[in-house]
N, C-alpha and C. Protein backbone atom coordinates (compact mmCIF):
# COMPACT_ATOMS: atom_id res chain seq x y z
N MET A 1 13.83 128.72 77.76
CA MET A 1 14.99 127.87 77.93
C MET A 1 14.88 127.16 79.27
N GLU A 2 15.06 125.87 79.29
CA GLU A 2 14.96 125.09 80.51
C GLU A 2 16.35 124.88 81.08
N HIS A 3 16.54 125.28 82.37
CA HIS A 3 17.83 125.12 83.03
C HIS A 3 17.87 123.77 83.73
N THR A 4 19.06 123.21 83.79
CA THR A 4 19.18 121.90 84.42
C THR A 4 20.29 121.91 85.46
N THR A 5 20.19 120.97 86.36
CA THR A 5 21.24 120.72 87.33
C THR A 5 21.60 119.26 87.19
N ARG A 6 22.82 119.00 86.76
CA ARG A 6 23.28 117.63 86.53
C ARG A 6 22.34 116.86 85.59
N GLY A 7 21.86 117.53 84.56
CA GLY A 7 21.08 116.85 83.54
C GLY A 7 19.59 116.80 83.78
N THR A 8 19.11 117.20 84.94
CA THR A 8 17.67 117.19 85.22
C THR A 8 17.21 118.61 85.52
N PRO A 9 15.95 118.92 85.23
CA PRO A 9 15.47 120.28 85.52
C PRO A 9 15.58 120.56 87.02
N ALA A 10 16.07 121.75 87.35
CA ALA A 10 16.16 122.15 88.76
C ALA A 10 14.75 122.21 89.35
N PRO A 11 14.57 121.69 90.56
CA PRO A 11 13.23 121.67 91.18
C PRO A 11 12.60 123.05 91.22
N GLY A 12 11.42 123.15 90.69
CA GLY A 12 10.68 124.40 90.72
C GLY A 12 11.21 125.48 89.80
N TYR A 13 12.30 125.20 89.10
CA TYR A 13 12.93 126.23 88.30
C TYR A 13 12.04 126.69 87.15
N VAL A 14 11.42 125.75 86.45
CA VAL A 14 10.61 126.10 85.29
C VAL A 14 9.46 127.02 85.70
N ALA A 15 8.79 126.69 86.80
CA ALA A 15 7.67 127.53 87.27
C ALA A 15 8.16 128.93 87.64
N ARG A 16 9.31 129.01 88.34
CA ARG A 16 9.85 130.33 88.71
C ARG A 16 10.24 131.09 87.46
N ASP A 17 10.84 130.40 86.51
CA ASP A 17 11.27 131.04 85.28
C ASP A 17 10.07 131.66 84.56
N LYS A 18 8.97 130.92 84.50
CA LYS A 18 7.76 131.44 83.86
C LYS A 18 7.19 132.60 84.66
N ALA A 19 7.18 132.49 86.00
CA ALA A 19 6.63 133.55 86.84
C ALA A 19 7.44 134.83 86.72
N LEU A 20 8.72 134.70 86.46
CA LEU A 20 9.58 135.86 86.32
C LEU A 20 9.71 136.32 84.87
N GLY A 21 8.84 135.83 84.04
CA GLY A 21 8.85 136.24 82.64
C GLY A 21 10.03 135.68 81.86
N GLY A 22 10.51 134.52 82.28
CA GLY A 22 11.61 133.88 81.56
C GLY A 22 12.97 134.51 81.82
N THR A 23 13.09 135.34 82.87
CA THR A 23 14.35 136.05 83.11
C THR A 23 15.19 135.44 84.23
N ALA A 24 14.73 134.38 84.84
CA ALA A 24 15.48 133.78 85.95
C ALA A 24 16.77 133.16 85.44
N SER A 25 17.79 133.20 86.28
CA SER A 25 19.07 132.59 85.89
C SER A 25 19.43 131.51 86.89
N ARG A 26 20.38 130.69 86.49
CA ARG A 26 20.86 129.65 87.40
C ARG A 26 21.44 130.29 88.65
N ASN A 27 22.06 131.45 88.50
CA ASN A 27 22.61 132.18 89.62
C ASN A 27 21.53 132.46 90.67
N GLU A 28 20.32 132.79 90.23
CA GLU A 28 19.23 133.03 91.17
C GLU A 28 18.86 131.76 91.92
N ASP A 29 18.96 130.62 91.28
CA ASP A 29 18.72 129.34 91.97
C ASP A 29 19.77 129.12 93.05
N VAL A 30 21.02 129.40 92.73
CA VAL A 30 22.10 129.24 93.71
C VAL A 30 21.88 130.19 94.88
N ILE A 31 21.51 131.42 94.59
CA ILE A 31 21.26 132.40 95.65
C ILE A 31 20.09 131.96 96.51
N ARG A 32 19.03 131.49 95.90
CA ARG A 32 17.86 131.01 96.65
C ARG A 32 18.24 129.84 97.55
N ARG A 33 19.00 128.90 97.00
CA ARG A 33 19.45 127.75 97.79
C ARG A 33 20.33 128.20 98.95
N PHE A 34 21.23 129.14 98.66
CA PHE A 34 22.12 129.69 99.69
C PHE A 34 21.31 130.30 100.84
N THR A 35 20.29 131.10 100.50
CA THR A 35 19.49 131.74 101.56
C THR A 35 18.72 130.70 102.38
N TRP A 36 18.26 129.64 101.75
CA TRP A 36 17.58 128.58 102.49
C TRP A 36 18.55 127.86 103.42
N VAL A 37 19.76 127.64 102.96
CA VAL A 37 20.77 126.99 103.81
C VAL A 37 21.09 127.88 105.01
N ILE A 38 21.28 129.15 104.76
CA ILE A 38 21.56 130.09 105.86
C ILE A 38 20.39 130.12 106.85
N ASP A 39 19.16 130.17 106.33
CA ASP A 39 17.98 130.13 107.21
C ASP A 39 17.96 128.86 108.05
N SER A 40 18.29 127.74 107.45
CA SER A 40 18.31 126.47 108.17
C SER A 40 19.40 126.48 109.25
N ILE A 41 20.56 127.01 108.92
CA ILE A 41 21.64 127.13 109.90
C ILE A 41 21.17 127.98 111.08
N ASN A 42 20.50 129.08 110.78
CA ASN A 42 19.99 129.94 111.85
C ASN A 42 19.02 129.20 112.76
N VAL A 43 18.14 128.39 112.18
CA VAL A 43 17.20 127.61 112.99
C VAL A 43 17.94 126.69 113.94
N HIS A 44 18.96 126.02 113.43
CA HIS A 44 19.73 125.10 114.27
C HIS A 44 20.51 125.85 115.36
N LEU A 45 21.05 127.01 115.00
CA LEU A 45 21.74 127.83 116.01
C LEU A 45 20.77 128.28 117.10
N GLU A 46 19.55 128.65 116.69
CA GLU A 46 18.52 129.03 117.68
C GLU A 46 18.21 127.87 118.61
N GLU A 47 18.11 126.67 118.06
CA GLU A 47 17.84 125.49 118.89
C GLU A 47 18.96 125.26 119.89
N LEU A 48 20.20 125.41 119.44
CA LEU A 48 21.34 125.25 120.34
C LEU A 48 21.34 126.32 121.43
N ARG A 49 21.05 127.58 121.03
CA ARG A 49 20.97 128.66 122.03
C ARG A 49 19.91 128.35 123.07
N PHE A 50 18.77 127.85 122.62
CA PHE A 50 17.69 127.50 123.55
C PHE A 50 18.17 126.44 124.54
N LEU A 51 18.90 125.43 124.06
CA LEU A 51 19.38 124.36 124.93
C LEU A 51 20.41 124.87 125.93
N TRP A 52 21.35 125.72 125.48
CA TRP A 52 22.33 126.30 126.41
C TRP A 52 21.62 127.18 127.43
N ALA A 53 20.67 127.97 126.97
CA ALA A 53 19.93 128.85 127.87
C ALA A 53 19.15 128.04 128.90
N LYS A 54 18.51 126.98 128.44
CA LYS A 54 17.73 126.12 129.33
C LYS A 54 18.62 125.54 130.43
N ALA A 55 19.85 125.20 130.09
CA ALA A 55 20.79 124.66 131.08
C ALA A 55 21.07 125.67 132.20
N LEU A 56 20.94 126.96 131.88
CA LEU A 56 21.13 128.01 132.89
C LEU A 56 19.81 128.50 133.49
N GLY A 57 18.70 127.96 132.99
CA GLY A 57 17.40 128.37 133.50
C GLY A 57 16.95 129.73 133.01
N ILE A 58 17.38 130.09 131.79
CA ILE A 58 16.99 131.38 131.21
C ILE A 58 16.47 131.16 129.79
N SER A 59 16.00 132.23 129.17
CA SER A 59 15.49 132.17 127.80
C SER A 59 16.64 132.32 126.80
N GLY A 60 16.36 131.96 125.55
CA GLY A 60 17.35 132.11 124.48
C GLY A 60 17.84 133.54 124.30
N PRO A 61 16.93 134.52 124.25
CA PRO A 61 17.39 135.91 124.12
C PRO A 61 18.25 136.37 125.30
N ARG A 62 17.95 135.90 126.48
CA ARG A 62 18.78 136.26 127.64
C ARG A 62 20.16 135.61 127.52
N TRP A 63 20.20 134.39 127.01
CA TRP A 63 21.48 133.72 126.75
C TRP A 63 22.31 134.57 125.79
N MET A 64 21.66 135.10 124.75
CA MET A 64 22.37 135.91 123.77
C MET A 64 22.93 137.19 124.39
N ILE A 65 22.22 137.77 125.34
CA ILE A 65 22.74 138.95 126.03
C ILE A 65 24.00 138.57 126.80
N LEU A 66 23.96 137.44 127.50
CA LEU A 66 25.14 136.99 128.23
C LEU A 66 26.32 136.76 127.28
N MET A 67 26.05 136.13 126.12
CA MET A 67 27.11 135.86 125.16
C MET A 67 27.67 137.16 124.58
N ALA A 68 26.80 138.12 124.33
CA ALA A 68 27.25 139.42 123.82
C ALA A 68 28.15 140.10 124.85
N LEU A 69 27.77 140.02 126.11
CA LEU A 69 28.61 140.61 127.16
C LEU A 69 29.96 139.91 127.25
N MET A 70 29.96 138.59 127.14
CA MET A 70 31.24 137.86 127.16
C MET A 70 32.13 138.31 126.01
N ASP A 71 31.52 138.55 124.87
CA ASP A 71 32.28 138.95 123.68
C ASP A 71 32.76 140.40 123.75
N LEU A 72 31.94 141.28 124.29
CA LEU A 72 32.23 142.71 124.24
C LEU A 72 32.96 143.27 125.46
N ASP A 73 32.77 142.66 126.63
CA ASP A 73 33.27 143.25 127.87
C ASP A 73 34.80 143.25 127.94
N GLN A 74 35.34 144.41 128.23
CA GLN A 74 36.79 144.58 128.39
C GLN A 74 37.11 144.96 129.84
N ASP A 75 36.38 144.38 130.79
CA ASP A 75 36.56 144.60 132.23
C ASP A 75 35.96 145.89 132.77
N ASP A 76 35.36 146.72 131.93
CA ASP A 76 34.74 147.94 132.44
C ASP A 76 33.24 147.99 132.16
N GLY A 77 32.68 146.87 131.74
CA GLY A 77 31.27 146.80 131.44
C GLY A 77 30.97 147.22 130.01
N VAL A 78 29.75 146.97 129.60
CA VAL A 78 29.33 147.25 128.23
C VAL A 78 28.02 148.04 128.28
N PRO A 79 27.92 149.14 127.56
CA PRO A 79 26.68 149.91 127.53
C PRO A 79 25.53 149.11 126.88
N VAL A 80 24.34 149.37 127.33
CA VAL A 80 23.14 148.71 126.80
C VAL A 80 23.09 148.85 125.28
N ASN A 81 23.37 150.06 124.77
CA ASN A 81 23.24 150.28 123.32
C ASN A 81 24.24 149.46 122.52
N ALA A 82 25.41 149.15 123.08
CA ALA A 82 26.39 148.31 122.37
C ALA A 82 25.87 146.88 122.24
N VAL A 83 25.24 146.38 123.31
CA VAL A 83 24.67 145.03 123.26
C VAL A 83 23.50 145.00 122.29
N SER A 84 22.66 146.02 122.32
CA SER A 84 21.50 146.04 121.41
C SER A 84 21.95 146.09 119.95
N ARG A 85 23.02 146.82 119.66
CA ARG A 85 23.54 146.85 118.27
C ARG A 85 24.08 145.48 117.87
N LYS A 86 24.80 144.83 118.75
CA LYS A 86 25.37 143.51 118.43
C LYS A 86 24.28 142.49 118.16
N LEU A 87 23.18 142.57 118.94
CA LEU A 87 22.09 141.60 118.81
C LEU A 87 21.01 142.04 117.81
N HIS A 88 21.13 143.25 117.28
CA HIS A 88 20.14 143.78 116.33
C HIS A 88 18.75 143.83 116.95
N VAL A 89 18.69 144.32 118.19
CA VAL A 89 17.41 144.49 118.88
C VAL A 89 17.36 145.89 119.48
N ASP A 90 16.16 146.30 119.87
CA ASP A 90 15.97 147.61 120.49
C ASP A 90 16.62 147.64 121.87
N SER A 91 17.19 148.78 122.24
CA SER A 91 17.86 148.88 123.54
C SER A 91 16.89 148.71 124.70
N SER A 92 15.61 149.04 124.50
CA SER A 92 14.63 148.84 125.59
C SER A 92 14.46 147.36 125.89
N PHE A 93 14.58 146.51 124.87
CA PHE A 93 14.51 145.06 125.07
C PHE A 93 15.69 144.60 125.93
N VAL A 94 16.88 145.08 125.61
CA VAL A 94 18.08 144.71 126.37
C VAL A 94 17.95 145.20 127.81
N THR A 95 17.44 146.40 127.98
CA THR A 95 17.25 146.94 129.33
C THR A 95 16.33 146.06 130.14
N THR A 96 15.18 145.71 129.58
CA THR A 96 14.21 144.88 130.28
C THR A 96 14.78 143.51 130.63
N GLN A 97 15.39 142.87 129.64
CA GLN A 97 15.94 141.53 129.85
C GLN A 97 17.14 141.54 130.80
N SER A 98 17.94 142.58 130.73
CA SER A 98 19.11 142.65 131.62
C SER A 98 18.69 142.83 133.07
N LYS A 99 17.59 143.52 133.31
CA LYS A 99 17.08 143.66 134.68
C LYS A 99 16.66 142.29 135.22
N LEU A 100 16.07 141.46 134.38
CA LEU A 100 15.68 140.11 134.79
C LEU A 100 16.92 139.24 135.04
N LEU A 101 17.94 139.40 134.22
CA LEU A 101 19.19 138.68 134.43
C LEU A 101 19.88 139.15 135.72
N GLU A 102 19.75 140.42 136.01
CA GLU A 102 20.32 140.96 137.26
C GLU A 102 19.63 140.34 138.47
N LYS A 103 18.30 140.19 138.40
CA LYS A 103 17.56 139.56 139.50
C LYS A 103 17.99 138.12 139.73
N LYS A 104 18.40 137.43 138.66
CA LYS A 104 18.88 136.04 138.77
C LYS A 104 20.33 135.97 139.23
N GLY A 105 20.95 137.13 139.37
CA GLY A 105 22.34 137.16 139.82
C GLY A 105 23.36 136.86 138.75
N LEU A 106 22.96 136.99 137.47
CA LEU A 106 23.85 136.66 136.36
C LEU A 106 24.51 137.88 135.74
N LEU A 107 24.00 139.05 136.07
CA LEU A 107 24.45 140.27 135.41
C LEU A 107 24.48 141.40 136.43
N ARG A 108 25.45 142.28 136.26
CA ARG A 108 25.56 143.49 137.08
C ARG A 108 25.26 144.69 136.20
N ARG A 109 24.48 145.60 136.71
CA ARG A 109 24.17 146.84 135.99
C ARG A 109 24.61 148.00 136.87
N LYS A 110 25.37 148.92 136.29
CA LYS A 110 25.76 150.11 137.04
C LYS A 110 25.79 151.31 136.12
N THR A 111 25.50 152.45 136.70
CA THR A 111 25.50 153.69 135.94
C THR A 111 26.94 154.07 135.63
N SER A 112 27.17 154.53 134.42
CA SER A 112 28.49 154.94 133.98
C SER A 112 28.96 156.14 134.81
N ALA A 113 30.23 156.13 135.18
CA ALA A 113 30.81 157.24 135.93
C ALA A 113 30.91 158.50 135.07
N GLU A 114 31.08 158.33 133.76
CA GLU A 114 31.22 159.47 132.85
C GLU A 114 29.89 160.09 132.43
N ASP A 115 28.85 159.26 132.32
CA ASP A 115 27.54 159.74 131.85
C ASP A 115 26.45 158.95 132.55
N ALA A 116 25.71 159.62 133.43
CA ALA A 116 24.69 158.97 134.25
C ALA A 116 23.54 158.38 133.43
N ARG A 117 23.44 158.77 132.14
CA ARG A 117 22.38 158.22 131.28
C ARG A 117 22.74 156.83 130.76
N ILE A 118 24.00 156.46 130.87
CA ILE A 118 24.47 155.19 130.32
C ILE A 118 24.58 154.14 131.42
N VAL A 119 24.02 152.96 131.15
CA VAL A 119 24.11 151.84 132.07
C VAL A 119 25.14 150.85 131.50
N GLN A 120 26.14 150.54 132.32
CA GLN A 120 27.17 149.57 131.96
C GLN A 120 26.77 148.21 132.54
N MET A 121 26.88 147.17 131.73
CA MET A 121 26.52 145.83 132.18
C MET A 121 27.75 144.94 132.13
N SER A 122 27.80 143.99 133.06
CA SER A 122 28.87 143.00 133.07
C SER A 122 28.34 141.72 133.71
N LEU A 123 28.99 140.62 133.40
CA LEU A 123 28.60 139.33 133.96
C LEU A 123 29.09 139.21 135.40
N THR A 124 28.35 138.49 136.19
CA THR A 124 28.75 138.22 137.56
C THR A 124 29.63 136.97 137.59
N ASP A 125 30.29 136.75 138.73
CA ASP A 125 31.08 135.52 138.89
C ASP A 125 30.19 134.29 138.74
N LYS A 126 28.95 134.40 139.23
CA LYS A 126 28.00 133.29 139.11
C LYS A 126 27.77 132.93 137.64
N ALA A 127 27.59 133.95 136.80
CA ALA A 127 27.36 133.71 135.37
C ALA A 127 28.59 133.06 134.74
N TYR A 128 29.78 133.58 135.06
CA TYR A 128 31.00 132.99 134.51
C TYR A 128 31.14 131.53 134.91
N LYS A 129 30.82 131.20 136.15
CA LYS A 129 30.93 129.82 136.62
C LYS A 129 29.93 128.91 135.90
N LEU A 130 28.69 129.38 135.74
CA LEU A 130 27.68 128.57 135.05
C LEU A 130 28.06 128.35 133.59
N ILE A 131 28.53 129.39 132.95
CA ILE A 131 28.93 129.29 131.53
C ILE A 131 30.16 128.37 131.41
N ALA A 132 31.10 128.51 132.33
CA ALA A 132 32.29 127.65 132.32
C ALA A 132 31.91 126.19 132.47
N GLY A 133 30.83 125.92 133.21
CA GLY A 133 30.36 124.55 133.38
C GLY A 133 29.87 123.92 132.08
N LEU A 134 29.54 124.75 131.12
CA LEU A 134 29.09 124.26 129.81
C LEU A 134 30.22 124.20 128.78
N ALA A 135 31.38 124.71 129.14
CA ALA A 135 32.47 124.86 128.18
C ALA A 135 32.89 123.54 127.54
N ALA A 136 33.02 122.49 128.30
CA ALA A 136 33.47 121.20 127.74
C ALA A 136 32.47 120.69 126.71
N GLN A 137 31.18 120.80 127.01
CA GLN A 137 30.15 120.38 126.05
C GLN A 137 30.21 121.22 124.79
N GLN A 138 30.36 122.53 124.97
CA GLN A 138 30.41 123.42 123.81
C GLN A 138 31.63 123.14 122.94
N GLU A 139 32.78 122.90 123.58
CA GLU A 139 33.99 122.59 122.81
C GLU A 139 33.82 121.30 122.02
N ALA A 140 33.25 120.28 122.64
CA ALA A 140 33.03 119.00 121.94
C ALA A 140 32.06 119.20 120.77
N LEU A 141 31.03 119.98 120.99
CA LEU A 141 30.06 120.24 119.93
C LEU A 141 30.70 121.03 118.79
N ASN A 142 31.50 122.03 119.12
CA ASN A 142 32.19 122.81 118.08
C ASN A 142 33.14 121.93 117.27
N GLU A 143 33.82 121.02 117.96
CA GLU A 143 34.72 120.10 117.24
C GLU A 143 33.93 119.23 116.26
N PHE A 144 32.77 118.76 116.70
CA PHE A 144 31.91 117.95 115.83
C PHE A 144 31.43 118.77 114.63
N ILE A 145 30.95 119.97 114.89
CA ILE A 145 30.37 120.81 113.84
C ILE A 145 31.42 121.23 112.81
N PHE A 146 32.58 121.63 113.28
CA PHE A 146 33.58 122.24 112.40
C PHE A 146 34.75 121.31 112.07
N SER A 147 34.62 120.02 112.36
CA SER A 147 35.73 119.09 112.17
C SER A 147 36.21 118.99 110.73
N GLU A 148 35.36 119.24 109.77
CA GLU A 148 35.74 119.10 108.37
C GLU A 148 36.40 120.36 107.80
N LEU A 149 36.49 121.40 108.62
CA LEU A 149 37.11 122.65 108.17
C LEU A 149 38.41 122.89 108.91
N SER A 150 39.45 123.27 108.18
CA SER A 150 40.70 123.67 108.82
C SER A 150 40.47 125.05 109.44
N ASP A 151 41.39 125.48 110.29
CA ASP A 151 41.29 126.81 110.88
C ASP A 151 41.28 127.88 109.79
N LYS A 152 42.10 127.68 108.76
CA LYS A 152 42.14 128.65 107.66
C LYS A 152 40.81 128.68 106.91
N GLN A 153 40.26 127.51 106.61
CA GLN A 153 38.98 127.46 105.91
C GLN A 153 37.88 128.12 106.72
N LEU A 154 37.87 127.85 108.01
CA LEU A 154 36.86 128.46 108.89
C LEU A 154 37.04 129.97 108.93
N GLY A 155 38.29 130.42 109.00
CA GLY A 155 38.56 131.86 108.97
C GLY A 155 38.12 132.50 107.67
N ASP A 156 38.43 131.83 106.56
CA ASP A 156 38.04 132.34 105.24
C ASP A 156 36.51 132.40 105.11
N LEU A 157 35.84 131.33 105.54
CA LEU A 157 34.38 131.31 105.49
C LEU A 157 33.79 132.43 106.34
N THR A 158 34.34 132.62 107.51
CA THR A 158 33.87 133.69 108.40
C THR A 158 34.06 135.05 107.75
N ASP A 159 35.20 135.27 107.11
CA ASP A 159 35.45 136.53 106.42
C ASP A 159 34.44 136.76 105.29
N ILE A 160 34.16 135.71 104.53
CA ILE A 160 33.20 135.80 103.43
C ILE A 160 31.81 136.14 103.97
N LEU A 161 31.40 135.44 105.03
CA LEU A 161 30.08 135.69 105.61
C LEU A 161 30.00 137.08 106.23
N ALA A 162 31.09 137.56 106.83
CA ALA A 162 31.10 138.91 107.40
C ALA A 162 30.95 139.96 106.29
N ALA A 163 31.63 139.73 105.17
CA ALA A 163 31.48 140.65 104.03
C ALA A 163 30.05 140.62 103.50
N LEU A 164 29.47 139.43 103.43
CA LEU A 164 28.08 139.29 102.98
C LEU A 164 27.14 139.99 103.96
N GLN A 165 27.40 139.84 105.25
CA GLN A 165 26.58 140.52 106.26
C GLN A 165 26.62 142.03 106.04
N ASN A 166 27.80 142.56 105.78
CA ASN A 166 27.95 143.99 105.53
C ASN A 166 27.14 144.41 104.30
N ARG A 167 27.21 143.61 103.24
CA ARG A 167 26.46 143.92 102.02
C ARG A 167 24.95 143.85 102.26
N LEU A 168 24.52 142.88 103.07
CA LEU A 168 23.10 142.75 103.40
C LEU A 168 22.60 143.96 104.20
N GLU A 169 23.44 144.44 105.11
CA GLU A 169 23.07 145.65 105.87
C GLU A 169 22.88 146.83 104.93
N LYS A 170 23.82 146.98 103.98
CA LYS A 170 23.73 148.06 103.00
C LYS A 170 22.51 147.87 102.09
N ALA A 171 22.25 146.63 101.69
CA ALA A 171 21.10 146.35 100.84
C ALA A 171 19.79 146.69 101.55
N THR A 172 19.74 146.38 102.84
CA THR A 172 18.54 146.70 103.61
C THR A 172 18.30 148.21 103.61
N LEU A 173 19.36 148.98 103.84
CA LEU A 173 19.23 150.44 103.82
C LEU A 173 18.81 150.92 102.44
N LYS A 174 19.35 150.29 101.40
CA LYS A 174 18.99 150.67 100.02
C LYS A 174 17.50 150.42 99.76
N VAL A 175 17.00 149.28 100.20
CA VAL A 175 15.58 148.98 100.00
C VAL A 175 14.71 149.97 100.75
N VAL A 176 15.12 150.33 101.97
CA VAL A 176 14.36 151.30 102.77
C VAL A 176 14.32 152.64 102.06
N VAL A 177 15.44 153.08 101.52
CA VAL A 177 15.51 154.36 100.82
C VAL A 177 14.72 154.32 99.53
N ASP A 178 14.77 153.21 98.81
CA ASP A 178 14.11 153.09 97.51
C ASP A 178 12.59 152.89 97.62
N THR A 179 12.08 152.54 98.80
CA THR A 179 10.62 152.33 98.91
C THR A 179 9.94 153.46 99.61
């Protein structure tokens, strides 16, 4: 059976259908397209992170550490492992990169008063000032990017993507267990 999109065969669909033994569905095409769109969005977000990081004279991953700290810090610092979980990276990577950010004067690292094994990180005033200097550009860019979505639509989309993220995390664990 040949599937169509608006009256024409979906690109590459027939070949995939044959490769899958004729079991492919239109739903799989939508899922495949969705994953490509998400991948493309991620590439563009990476490019933007690189540009913001470059403005501060740091790398993209270091920019992400600063952003994670801005998001997580409640005035008492953030443990390395909390940042590594948020960024989905190993805590040794965060430790190494945070030491470099500390040398640049963008981050403070201090041993936790409750547990000497835990290092609490926080942004310096210098980091806040540099990031604040980019705020107007970021706000204008966000307005451009999200102008076609109402606050409710953006909230709903974010909720849907967060639920999908949760399902993907569970699916990853399922694949690990099943293999």
